[in-house]
């Protein structure tokens, strides 16, 4: 990598040796001075600057600037080799990694490329508090290209919408190194061995990850650390958020309740701290800016007040007089031993007083919360009774509806049965009438048959009489021939006819 200049000094940019800047050559300068270097002047139209910092701000902070290829050059929609920057190097930068992702999570995300990574460095972007970025150096250009093609615009997890944004780097330039305190050997940026496995940090054999607090580890070792803090110094990349009011979210004139920890704004804002005191009767509140304690019940500050045993009034606690040995009039000019004994006794009395005060407050809070629990219990019992009553009423209404339906159906069936019974009586009457009519018809038929039989008998008798008359006429003609045979024959015929007539009458 070429070098850049600032304020007449040479500042080396990142080379194949890694992302670790030598402290002896770091100077303070404007990052914009490095944009005119000979290496980046030819491609200044296709690069963008990313200012970063790393290290624990209380111990040591390193600042620098990274030159990245622009979005239109390394477009996420173009993954072919021809669309990648021509002058790219095996250096990439992953921008905007969410803070909730630990080092182990990121190593797991790019696990298939860990064996191709020589070094990773975690940095924070200027003005970005909830994200961090990672500078990565690969063994070869093909590895860097594959990393870009497979992980660019890929979601970190299927449960969130955050995507991985990968950019090729032109160079990395360090602008300043600010030491706020004397760094211990454990906080040195040159770690000869990994603090976890105690093996040497050799870039040629294994990948190295440098945390945001400038401690280096093997990627395989840090991937087993599931916490977001550093295993060496416990510096956490997720810094605590600024205190705000729980109600209106303002960060000015804040007061915190010393009983329950509620944070509210003062009377010069919305007065939510006073509203909290009125609702909970927590009368002691600490002002975050001045660290003074205010008593809402007594309407005064109590952080330096104690209760006098003589009259029970609140008096201000006097600090230890530094001029007691010189005959100070305010403290009586006692010697150092006596003053120390008096101070210890006063401190003990103060501690006892505060303990009694705290005990009383805790007892009052206990009674208050017990009353709240009792109210909640009574309200719960009332809700349960109302729910039971409502359930019983609903069941009764359903049963009443079923009963009404059954009564209606029974009434319908009764009406139907009554109609059927009426119809039965009607049909019975009709059947009797039909039987009577049939009986009369049969009697008339029998009478008619008898009458016809009588008429038939008379007709038969008439026919027999006519035949007899015919026979008598025939017999009278034959008398001339023989009187005796005819008479005898006639008598025999008459006897035969008489018997046939009697037979016919008997039949009839």
Protein backbone atom coordinates (compact mmCIF):
# COMPACT_ATOMS: atom_id res chain seq x y z
CA UNK A 1 0.00 0.00 0.00
CA UNK A 2 1.26 3.53 -0.66
CA UNK A 3 1.66 6.12 2.05
CA UNK A 4 -0.02 9.47 2.64
CA UNK A 5 1.19 12.62 4.33
CA UNK A 6 -0.31 14.95 6.89
CA UNK A 7 1.36 17.95 8.53
CA UNK A 8 4.71 17.06 7.01
CA UNK A 9 4.87 13.49 8.44
CA UNK A 10 4.52 10.18 6.63
CA UNK A 11 1.60 8.01 7.78
CA UNK A 12 1.72 4.44 6.49
CA UNK A 13 -1.41 2.93 5.08
CA UNK A 14 -2.43 -0.68 5.50
CA UNK A 15 -0.27 -3.20 3.68
CA UNK A 16 0.00 -6.95 3.71
CA UNK A 17 1.23 -6.74 7.29
CA UNK A 18 -2.34 -6.25 8.49
CA UNK A 19 -4.56 -3.57 10.02
CA UNK A 20 -2.35 -2.87 13.05
CA UNK A 21 -0.95 0.67 12.92
CA UNK A 22 2.54 1.30 14.40
CA UNK A 23 2.17 3.83 17.20
CA UNK A 24 5.45 5.54 16.47
CA UNK A 25 4.28 6.82 13.11
CA UNK A 26 0.75 7.90 14.07
CA UNK A 27 0.10 11.63 14.02
CA UNK A 28 -2.94 13.75 14.56
CA UNK A 29 -4.30 15.23 11.36
CA UNK A 30 -7.36 15.90 9.31
CA UNK A 31 -8.57 12.75 7.54
CA UNK A 32 -9.42 14.84 4.51
CA UNK A 33 -5.68 15.45 3.97
CA UNK A 34 -5.26 11.83 2.88
CA UNK A 35 -7.64 12.08 -0.06
CA UNK A 36 -4.93 13.75 -2.15
CA UNK A 37 -2.43 10.88 -1.97
CA UNK A 38 -0.89 9.57 -5.14
CA UNK A 39 -2.45 6.13 -4.70
CA UNK A 40 -6.05 7.27 -4.47
CA UNK A 41 -5.91 10.28 -6.79
CA UNK A 42 -6.39 8.11 -9.87
CA UNK A 43 -9.55 6.45 -8.47
CA UNK A 44 -10.84 9.28 -6.27
CA UNK A 45 -13.93 9.51 -8.43
CA UNK A 46 -15.05 5.99 -7.55
CA UNK A 47 -14.27 5.92 -3.81
CA UNK A 48 -16.00 7.06 -0.64
CA UNK A 49 -14.48 7.78 2.78
CA UNK A 50 -15.51 6.04 5.99
CA UNK A 51 -14.14 7.52 9.23
CA UNK A 52 -13.72 5.08 12.09
CA UNK A 53 -12.30 4.69 15.56
CA UNK A 54 -11.35 1.76 17.77
CA UNK A 55 -10.13 1.09 21.28
CA UNK A 56 -11.47 1.73 24.76
CA UNK A 57 -12.16 5.50 24.93
CA UNK A 58 -11.03 5.58 28.59
CA UNK A 59 -7.62 4.04 27.82
CA UNK A 60 -6.61 4.45 24.19
CA UNK A 61 -8.46 5.45 21.05
CA UNK A 62 -7.23 5.03 17.48
CA UNK A 63 -8.82 6.98 14.65
CA UNK A 64 -8.58 6.49 10.92
CA UNK A 65 -10.30 6.62 7.57
CA UNK A 66 -11.16 3.82 5.13
CA UNK A 67 -11.51 4.48 1.39
CA UNK A 68 -14.21 2.26 -0.12
CA UNK A 69 -15.39 1.72 -3.66
CA UNK A 70 -18.75 3.37 -4.22
CA UNK A 71 -22.07 1.55 -4.46
CA UNK A 72 -22.35 2.11 -8.22
CA UNK A 73 -18.96 0.43 -8.72
CA UNK A 74 -19.47 -2.57 -6.43
CA UNK A 75 -23.18 -2.87 -7.07
CA UNK A 76 -25.03 -5.50 -5.05
CA UNK A 77 -27.09 -6.47 -8.06
CA UNK A 78 -23.98 -7.32 -10.12
CA UNK A 79 -22.15 -10.36 -8.79
CA UNK A 80 -20.17 -11.31 -11.89
CA UNK A 81 -16.38 -10.88 -11.96
CA UNK A 82 -16.62 -8.28 -14.73
CA UNK A 83 -18.82 -6.02 -12.57
CA UNK A 84 -16.38 -5.95 -9.65
CA UNK A 85 -13.89 -3.04 -9.29
CA UNK A 86 -10.87 -3.46 -11.51
CA UNK A 87 -8.32 -2.20 -8.98
CA UNK A 88 -9.79 -4.16 -6.06
CA UNK A 89 -7.60 -5.93 -3.51
CA UNK A 90 -8.29 -8.79 -1.06
CA UNK A 91 -9.58 -6.22 1.44
CA UNK A 92 -13.30 -5.85 2.20
CA UNK A 93 -15.31 -3.90 4.75
CA UNK A 94 -18.62 -5.07 6.23
CA UNK A 95 -20.54 -1.93 7.17
CA UNK A 96 -23.35 -1.55 9.68
CA UNK A 97 -23.28 -4.82 11.62
CA UNK A 98 -25.97 -4.59 14.35
CA UNK A 99 -24.67 -4.36 17.90
CA UNK A 100 -26.79 -7.31 19.04
CA UNK A 101 -24.58 -9.58 16.90
CA UNK A 102 -21.64 -10.77 18.98
CA UNK A 103 -18.24 -11.70 17.60
CA UNK A 104 -19.27 -15.36 17.72
CA UNK A 105 -22.43 -14.60 15.75
CA UNK A 106 -20.47 -12.88 12.99
CA UNK A 107 -17.88 -15.68 12.85
CA UNK A 108 -20.73 -18.16 12.53
CA UNK A 109 -22.31 -16.03 9.79
CA UNK A 110 -19.17 -16.15 7.64
CA UNK A 111 -18.05 -19.56 8.89
CA UNK A 112 -17.40 -21.03 5.45
CA UNK A 113 -14.80 -18.29 4.76
CA UNK A 114 -13.02 -18.27 8.15
CA UNK A 115 -10.16 -20.46 6.92
CA UNK A 116 -9.52 -17.96 4.08
CA UNK A 117 -9.42 -14.89 6.36
CA UNK A 118 -6.05 -13.64 7.56
CA UNK A 119 -7.27 -10.81 9.78
CA UNK A 120 -10.47 -9.14 10.93
CA UNK A 121 -10.64 -5.85 12.81
CA UNK A 122 -13.74 -4.46 14.52
CA UNK A 123 -14.14 -0.66 14.37
CA UNK A 124 -16.89 1.81 15.12
CA UNK A 125 -18.09 4.42 12.66
CA UNK A 126 -18.07 8.06 13.69
CA UNK A 127 -21.55 9.14 14.77
CA UNK A 128 -22.96 5.56 14.70
CA UNK A 129 -23.61 4.11 18.15
CA UNK A 130 -25.82 1.08 17.50
CA UNK A 131 -23.65 -0.55 14.80
CA UNK A 132 -20.07 -1.52 14.17
CA UNK A 133 -18.02 -2.38 11.08
CA UNK A 134 -15.44 -5.07 10.33
CA UNK A 135 -12.31 -4.75 8.16
CA UNK A 136 -11.33 -8.11 6.64
CA UNK A 137 -8.14 -9.17 4.81
CA UNK A 138 -8.21 -12.43 2.82
CA UNK A 139 -5.48 -14.79 1.68
CA UNK A 140 -6.28 -14.31 -2.00
CA UNK A 141 -8.36 -12.17 -4.31
CA UNK A 142 -10.58 -15.13 -5.25
CA UNK A 143 -11.51 -15.62 -1.61
CA UNK A 144 -12.47 -11.95 -1.29
CA UNK A 145 -14.53 -12.12 -4.49
CA UNK A 146 -16.37 -15.24 -3.32
CA UNK A 147 -17.03 -13.60 0.05
CA UNK A 148 -18.55 -10.60 -1.73
CA UNK A 149 -20.64 -12.70 -4.11
CA UNK A 150 -22.10 -15.00 -1.46
CA UNK A 151 -22.62 -12.67 1.53
CA UNK A 152 -23.33 -9.24 0.06
CA UNK A 153 -26.99 -8.25 0.60
CA UNK A 154 -27.58 -11.48 2.49
CA UNK A 155 -29.72 -11.37 5.65
CA UNK A 156 -27.89 -12.02 8.89
CA UNK A 157 -30.80 -14.09 10.14
CA UNK A 158 -34.12 -15.31 8.78
CA UNK A 159 -35.85 -13.63 11.73
CA UNK A 160 -34.69 -10.08 10.97
CA UNK A 161 -34.48 -7.74 7.99
CA UNK A 162 -30.86 -6.63 8.51
CA UNK A 163 -28.63 -7.47 5.54
CA UNK A 164 -24.86 -7.73 5.19
CA UNK A 165 -23.35 -4.82 3.23
CA UNK A 166 -19.93 -5.67 1.80
CA UNK A 167 -17.61 -3.13 0.12
CA UNK A 168 -14.15 -3.51 -1.39
CA UNK A 169 -11.53 -1.29 0.26
CA UNK A 170 -8.95 0.83 -1.48
CA UNK A 171 -6.80 1.46 1.59
CA UNK A 172 -6.90 2.10 5.36
CA UNK A 173 -5.17 5.16 6.84
CA UNK A 174 -4.69 5.87 10.54
CA UNK A 175 -4.82 9.51 11.54
CA UNK A 176 -4.48 9.65 15.33
CA UNK A 177 -3.78 7.63 18.46
CA UNK A 178 -5.01 9.20 21.71
CA UNK A 179 -3.88 7.67 25.03
CA UNK A 180 -6.13 8.64 27.95
CA UNK A 181 -4.41 6.47 30.55
CA UNK A 182 -1.33 4.33 30.98
CA UNK A 183 -2.10 1.14 29.10
CA UNK A 184 -1.40 -2.12 30.84
CA UNK A 185 0.38 -4.99 29.06
CA UNK A 186 -2.98 -6.73 28.61
CA UNK A 187 -4.32 -3.74 26.66
CA UNK A 188 -1.45 -3.58 24.18
CA UNK A 189 -2.43 -3.83 20.55
CA UNK A 190 0.50 -6.18 19.81
CA UNK A 191 -0.62 -9.48 21.26
CA UNK A 192 2.06 -12.15 20.81
CA UNK A 193 -0.28 -14.93 21.92
CA UNK A 194 -4.01 -15.53 21.95
CA UNK A 195 -5.40 -14.88 25.48
CA UNK A 196 -7.71 -17.90 25.12
CA UNK A 197 -5.52 -20.71 23.78
CA UNK A 198 -2.11 -19.06 24.51
CA UNK A 199 -0.87 -19.94 20.99
CA UNK A 200 1.04 -17.39 18.93
CA UNK A 201 -1.02 -15.10 16.71
CA UNK A 202 0.42 -16.11 13.37
CA UNK A 203 -1.54 -14.63 10.47
CA UNK A 204 -0.15 -17.11 7.98
CA UNK A 205 -1.58 -20.14 9.79
CA UNK A 206 -4.85 -18.89 11.26
CA UNK A 207 -7.21 -15.93 11.11
CA UNK A 208 -6.98 -13.20 13.73
CA UNK A 209 -9.88 -11.08 15.00
CA UNK A 210 -9.14 -7.79 16.75
CA UNK A 211 -12.01 -6.59 18.92
CA UNK A 212 -13.19 -3.02 19.19
CA UNK A 213 -11.00 -2.58 22.29
CA UNK A 214 -7.84 -3.59 20.33
CA UNK A 215 -7.46 -7.11 21.78
CA UNK A 216 -6.61 -9.86 19.29
CA UNK A 217 -7.78 -13.49 19.31
CA UNK A 218 -7.91 -16.45 17.00
CA UNK A 219 -11.22 -16.56 15.13
CA UNK A 220 -11.76 -20.12 16.29
CA UNK A 221 -11.25 -19.03 19.92
CA UNK A 222 -13.43 -15.90 19.86
CA UNK A 223 -16.22 -17.81 18.06
CA UNK A 224 -16.73 -19.79 21.28
CA UNK A 225 -17.24 -16.57 23.29
CA UNK A 226 -21.00 -15.93 23.14
CA UNK A 227 -20.86 -12.67 25.13
CA UNK A 228 -20.72 -9.23 23.51
CA UNK A 229 -17.89 -8.12 25.80
CA UNK A 230 -14.17 -8.64 25.39
CA UNK A 231 -12.82 -11.79 27.15
CA UNK A 232 -9.76 -9.82 28.38
CA UNK A 233 -10.97 -6.40 29.55
CA UNK A 234 -14.76 -6.98 29.49
CA UNK A 235 -15.21 -3.86 27.40
CA UNK A 236 -18.66 -4.21 25.83
CA UNK A 237 -19.37 -3.07 22.30
CA UNK A 238 -22.98 -2.40 23.36
CA UNK A 239 -22.51 0.80 25.35
CA UNK A 240 -25.24 1.82 27.81
CA UNK A 241 -27.84 4.12 26.37
CA UNK A 242 -28.31 7.66 27.62
CA UNK A 243 -30.88 7.98 30.37
CA UNK A 244 -34.20 9.43 29.25
CA UNK A 245 -37.52 10.10 30.91
CA UNK A 246 -39.69 6.98 30.96
CA UNK A 247 -42.73 9.02 29.89
CA UNK A 248 -41.70 11.81 27.49
CA UNK A 249 -38.24 10.42 26.49
CA UNK A 250 -36.44 13.70 27.21
CA UNK A 251 -32.79 13.62 28.35
CA UNK A 252 -32.70 16.97 30.22
CA UNK A 253 -33.34 17.72 33.90
CA UNK A 254 -33.75 14.06 34.88
CA UNK A 255 -34.51 12.72 38.36
CA UNK A 256 -34.31 9.07 39.42
CA UNK A 257 -36.37 7.61 42.24
CA UNK A 258 -34.06 6.11 44.88
CA UNK A 259 -36.77 3.62 45.87
CA UNK A 260 -37.78 1.97 42.59
CA UNK A 261 -35.42 3.50 39.97
CA UNK A 262 -38.07 5.37 37.96
CA UNK A 263 -36.49 8.08 35.75
CA UNK A 264 -38.60 11.17 35.17
CA UNK A 265 -38.12 14.76 34.13
CA UNK A 266 -38.21 17.67 36.56
CA UNK A 267 -40.71 20.46 36.97
CA UNK A 268 -38.89 22.60 34.41
CA UNK A 269 -39.85 20.02 31.73
CA UNK A 270 -43.01 17.95 32.04
CA UNK A 271 -42.79 17.16 35.76
CA UNK A 272 -43.13 13.38 35.43
CA UNK A 273 -40.90 12.80 38.49
CA UNK A 274 -43.37 14.75 40.64
CA UNK A 275 -46.26 12.82 39.11
CA UNK A 276 -44.47 9.57 40.04
CA UNK A 277 -44.12 10.78 43.65
CA UNK A 278 -47.81 11.64 43.84
CA UNK A 279 -48.80 8.23 42.48
CA UNK A 280 -46.41 6.05 44.54
CA UNK A 281 -45.48 8.28 47.51
CA UNK A 282 -41.76 7.66 46.79
CA UNK A 283 -40.57 10.92 48.29
CA UNK A 284 -36.80 10.68 47.64
CA UNK A 285 -35.46 11.44 44.18
CA UNK A 286 -31.85 11.87 42.96
CA UNK A 287 -30.98 14.55 40.41
CA UNK A 288 -28.74 12.85 37.83
CA UNK A 289 -26.85 16.02 36.91
CA UNK A 290 -25.88 17.19 40.42
CA UNK A 291 -26.26 13.89 42.36
CA UNK A 292 -28.37 15.63 45.00
CA UNK A 293 -31.33 14.01 46.73
CA UNK A 294 -34.63 15.88 47.03
CA UNK A 295 -37.35 15.11 49.58
CA UNK A 296 -40.78 15.83 48.08
CA UNK A 297 -42.52 15.40 51.44
CA UNK A 298 -40.17 17.84 53.25
CA UNK A 299 -39.72 20.02 50.15
CA UNK A 300 -35.94 20.30 50.57
CA UNK A 301 -32.64 18.60 49.78
CA UNK A 302 -31.67 15.77 52.15
CA UNK A 303 -28.40 14.50 50.70
CA UNK A 304 -26.45 16.39 53.40
CA UNK A 305 -29.07 16.48 56.16
CA UNK A 306 -29.32 14.40 59.32
CA UNK A 307 -31.87 14.37 62.13
CA UNK A 308 -30.75 15.94 65.39
CA UNK A 309 -31.29 13.80 68.49
CA UNK A 310 -31.85 16.84 70.70
CA UNK A 311 -34.87 18.41 69.01
CA UNK A 312 -35.54 15.98 66.11
CA UNK A 313 -34.99 18.65 63.46
CA UNK A 314 -33.08 18.13 60.20
CA UNK A 315 -29.67 19.85 60.29
CA UNK A 316 -26.90 20.00 57.65
CA UNK A 317 -24.01 17.57 58.00
CA UNK A 318 -20.76 19.52 58.47
CA UNK A 319 -17.72 18.10 56.75
CA UNK A 320 -14.44 17.38 58.53
CA UNK A 321 -12.42 20.54 59.17
CA UNK A 322 -8.94 20.39 57.66
CA UNK A 323 -7.60 23.11 60.01
CA UNK A 324 -8.47 21.40 63.28
CA UNK A 325 -4.80 20.98 64.22
CA UNK A 326 -4.19 24.70 63.66
CA UNK A 327 -6.65 25.81 66.29
CA UNK A 328 -9.69 26.38 64.05
CA UNK A 329 -12.43 28.18 65.98
CA UNK A 330 -15.22 26.36 64.22
CA UNK A 331 -14.14 22.93 65.36
CA UNK A 332 -12.56 23.87 68.70
CA UNK A 333 -8.96 23.21 67.77
CA UNK A 334 -8.87 19.59 68.96
CA UNK A 335 -6.06 17.28 67.96
CA UNK A 336 -6.14 14.89 65.03
CA UNK A 337 -6.88 11.74 67.10
CA UNK A 338 -9.80 13.37 68.87
CA UNK A 339 -11.12 14.79 65.62
CA UNK A 340 -10.89 11.39 63.96
CA UNK A 341 -12.71 9.75 66.88
CA UNK A 342 -15.42 12.42 66.78
CA UNK A 343 -15.69 12.04 63.02
CA UNK A 344 -16.01 8.25 63.29
CA UNK A 345 -18.65 8.57 65.99
CA UNK A 346 -20.57 11.08 63.91
CA UNK A 347 -20.30 8.88 60.84
CA UNK A 348 -21.60 5.93 62.86
CA UNK A 349 -24.51 8.01 64.12
CA UNK A 350 -25.22 9.18 60.60
CA UNK A 351 -25.15 5.59 59.33
CA UNK A 352 -27.55 4.55 62.07
CA UNK A 353 -29.84 7.44 61.29
CA UNK A 354 -29.84 6.60 57.60
CA UNK A 355 -30.41 2.93 58.37
CA UNK A 356 -33.41 3.81 60.52
CA UNK A 357 -34.68 6.14 57.82
CA UNK A 358 -34.23 3.48 55.17
CA UNK A 359 -35.92 0.89 57.39
CA UNK A 360 -38.89 3.21 57.89
CA UNK A 361 -39.11 3.89 54.19
CA UNK A 362 -38.91 0.20 53.38
CA UNK A 363 -41.61 -0.54 55.94
CA UNK A 364 -43.82 2.15 54.45
CA UNK A 365 -43.18 0.77 50.99
CA UNK A 366 -43.98 -2.71 52.25
CA UNK A 367 -47.31 -1.52 53.61
CA UNK A 368 -47.97 0.41 50.42
CA UNK A 369 -47.24 -2.54 48.17
CA UNK A 370 -49.20 -4.87 50.45
CA UNK A 371 -52.17 -2.53 50.07
CA UNK A 372 -51.67 -2.59 46.32
CA UNK A 373 -51.54 -6.40 46.38
CA UNK A 374 -54.70 -6.47 48.49
CA UNK A 375 -56.45 -4.17 46.04
CA UNK A 376 -55.29 -6.31 43.14
CA UNK A 377 -56.48 -9.44 44.96
CA UNK A 378 -59.88 -7.94 45.68
CA UNK A 379 -60.20 -6.70 42.12
CA UNK A 380 -59.23 -10.15 40.86
CA UNK A 381 -61.82 -11.79 43.09
CA UNK A 382 -64.44 -9.35 41.86
CA UNK A 383 -63.47 -10.05 38.28
CA UNK A 384 -63.67 -13.80 38.96
CA UNK A 385 -67.09 -13.46 40.60
CA UNK A 386 -68.32 -11.32 37.72
CA UNK A 387 -66.96 -13.82 35.24
CA UNK A 388 -68.61 -16.72 37.10
CA UNK A 389 -71.90 -14.83 37.30
CA UNK A 390 -71.69 -13.95 33.63
CA UNK A 391 -70.95 -17.58 32.75
CA UNK A 392 -73.86 -18.82 34.89
CA UNK A 393 -76.20 -16.27 33.29
CA UNK A 394 -75.10 -17.31 29.85
CA UNK A 395 -75.66 -20.98 30.69
CA UNK A 396 -79.07 -20.19 32.20
CA UNK A 397 -80.01 -18.21 29.11
CA UNK A 398 -78.97 -21.11 26.89
CA UNK A 399 -80.89 -23.61 29.04
CA UNK A 400 -83.94 -21.33 29.08
CA UNK A 401 -83.78 -21.04 25.32
CA UNK A 402 -83.60 -24.82 25.01
CA UNK A 403 -86.52 -25.19 27.45
CA UNK A 404 -88.62 -22.71 25.50
CA UNK A 405 -87.84 -24.57 22.31
CA UNK A 406 -88.80 -27.89 23.90
CA UNK A 407 -92.05 -26.42 25.25
CA UNK A 408 -92.87 -25.06 21.82
CA UNK A 409 -92.17 -28.42 20.22
CA UNK A 410 -94.29 -30.18 22.90
CA UNK A 411 -97.17 -27.81 22.26
CA UNK A 412 -96.90 -28.48 18.54
CA UNK A 413 -96.88 -32.24 19.15
CA UNK A 414 -99.87 -31.95 21.52
CA UNK A 415 -101.81 -30.01 18.91
CA UNK A 416 -100.88 -32.56 16.30
CA UNK A 417 -101.95 -35.41 18.61
CA UNK A 418 -105.25 -33.70 19.33
CA UNK A 419 -105.89 -33.25 15.63
CA UNK A 420 -105.04 -36.89 15.03
CA UNK A 421 -107.44 -37.97 17.77
CA UNK A 422 -110.21 -35.87 16.23
CA UNK A 423 -109.48 -37.37 12.86
CA UNK A 424 -109.57 -40.82 14.44
CA UNK A 425 -113.07 -40.20 15.84
CA UNK A 426 -114.25 -38.89 12.50
CA UNK A 427 -112.87 -41.92 10.70
CA UNK A 428 -114.37 -44.25 13.27
CA UNK A 429 -117.79 -42.65 12.65
CA UNK A 430 -117.31 -42.93 8.92
CA UNK A 431 -116.29 -46.60 9.26
CA UNK A 432 -119.41 -47.34 11.32
CA UNK A 433 -121.55 -45.59 8.77
CA UNK A 434 -119.90 -47.55 5.99
CA UNK A 435 -120.40 -50.80 7.88
CA UNK A 436 -124.08 -49.94 8.47
CA UNK A 437 -124.50 -48.99 4.84
CA UNK A 438 -122.85 -52.26 3.75
CA UNK A 439 -125.10 -54.20 6.09
CA UNK A 440 -128.20 -52.58 4.66
CA UNK A 441 -126.88 -53.21 1.17
CA UNK A 442 -126.42 -56.90 1.97
CA UNK A 443 -129.91 -57.14 3.46
CA UNK A 444 -131.39 -55.48 0.39
CA UNK A 445 -129.42 -57.83 -1.80
CA UNK A 446 -130.69 -60.87 0.10
CA UNK A 447 -134.26 -59.63 -0.11
CA UNK A 448 -133.85 -59.02 -3.79
CA UNK A 449 -132.39 -62.52 -4.27
CA UNK A 450 -135.36 -64.04 -2.40
CA UNK A 451 -137.75 -62.05 -4.53
CA UNK A 452 -136.04 -63.19 -7.68
CA UNK A 453 -136.13 -66.78 -6.51
CA UNK A 454 -139.90 -66.50 -5.90
CA UNK A 455 -140.40 -65.03 -9.32
CA UNK A 456 -138.26 -67.79 -10.80
CA UNK A 457 -140.35 -70.43 -9.04
CA UNK A 458 -143.53 -68.89 -10.33
CA UNK A 459 -142.03 -68.75 -13.82
CA UNK A 460 -141.00 -72.37 -13.62
CA UNK A 461 -144.45 -73.32 -12.41
CA UNK A 462 -145.97 -71.35 -15.26
CA UNK A 463 -143.74 -73.06 -17.74
CA UNK A 464 -144.59 -76.47 -16.34
CA UNK A 465 -148.28 -75.68 -16.46
CA UNK A 466 -148.00 -74.65 -20.08
CA UNK A 467 -146.20 -77.85 -20.91
CA UNK A 468 -148.81 -79.86 -19.13
CA UNK A 469 -151.50 -78.14 -21.08
CA UNK A 470 -149.70 -78.92 -24.27
CA UNK A 471 -149.35 -82.51 -23.28
CA UNK A 472 -153.05 -82.70 -22.40
CA UNK A 473 -153.93 -81.38 -25.86
CA UNK A 474 -151.74 -84.01 -27.44
CA UNK A 475 -153.18 -86.72 -25.29
CA UNK A 476 -156.79 -85.75 -26.16
CA UNK A 477 -156.05 -86.23 -29.80
CA UNK A 478 -154.71 -89.70 -29.21
CA UNK A 479 -157.62 -90.87 -27.14
CA UNK A 480 -159.50 -92.07 -30.11
CA UNK A 481 -156.97 -94.69 -30.71
CA UNK A 482 -156.83 -96.22 -27.30
CA UNK A 483 -158.60 -94.96 -24.28
CA UNK A 484 -157.15 -97.30 -21.70
CA UNK A 485 -153.48 -97.03 -22.53
CA UNK A 486 -153.76 -93.32 -22.64
CA UNK A 487 -155.46 -93.04 -19.33
CA UNK A 488 -152.90 -95.32 -17.74
CA UNK A 489 -150.07 -93.39 -19.32
CA UNK A 490 -151.62 -90.14 -18.33
CA UNK A 491 -151.92 -91.16 -14.74
CA UNK A 492 -148.31 -92.20 -14.68
CA UNK A 493 -147.24 -88.90 -16.19
CA UNK A 494 -149.33 -86.95 -13.79
CA UNK A 495 -147.74 -88.73 -10.92
CA UNK A 496 -144.32 -87.99 -12.39
CA UNK A 497 -145.09 -84.30 -12.87
CA UNK A 498 -146.42 -84.00 -9.41
CA UNK A 499 -143.25 -85.32 -7.99
CA UNK A 500 -141.18 -82.92 -10.13
CA UNK A 501 -143.26 -79.95 -8.99
CA UNK A 502 -142.80 -80.89 -5.42
CA UNK A 503 -139.10 -81.14 -6.00
CA UNK A 504 -139.00 -77.70 -7.55
CA UNK A 505 -140.93 -76.19 -4.64
CA UNK A 506 -138.58 -77.80 -2.22
CA UNK A 507 -135.62 -76.34 -4.04
CA UNK A 508 -137.18 -72.95 -4.06
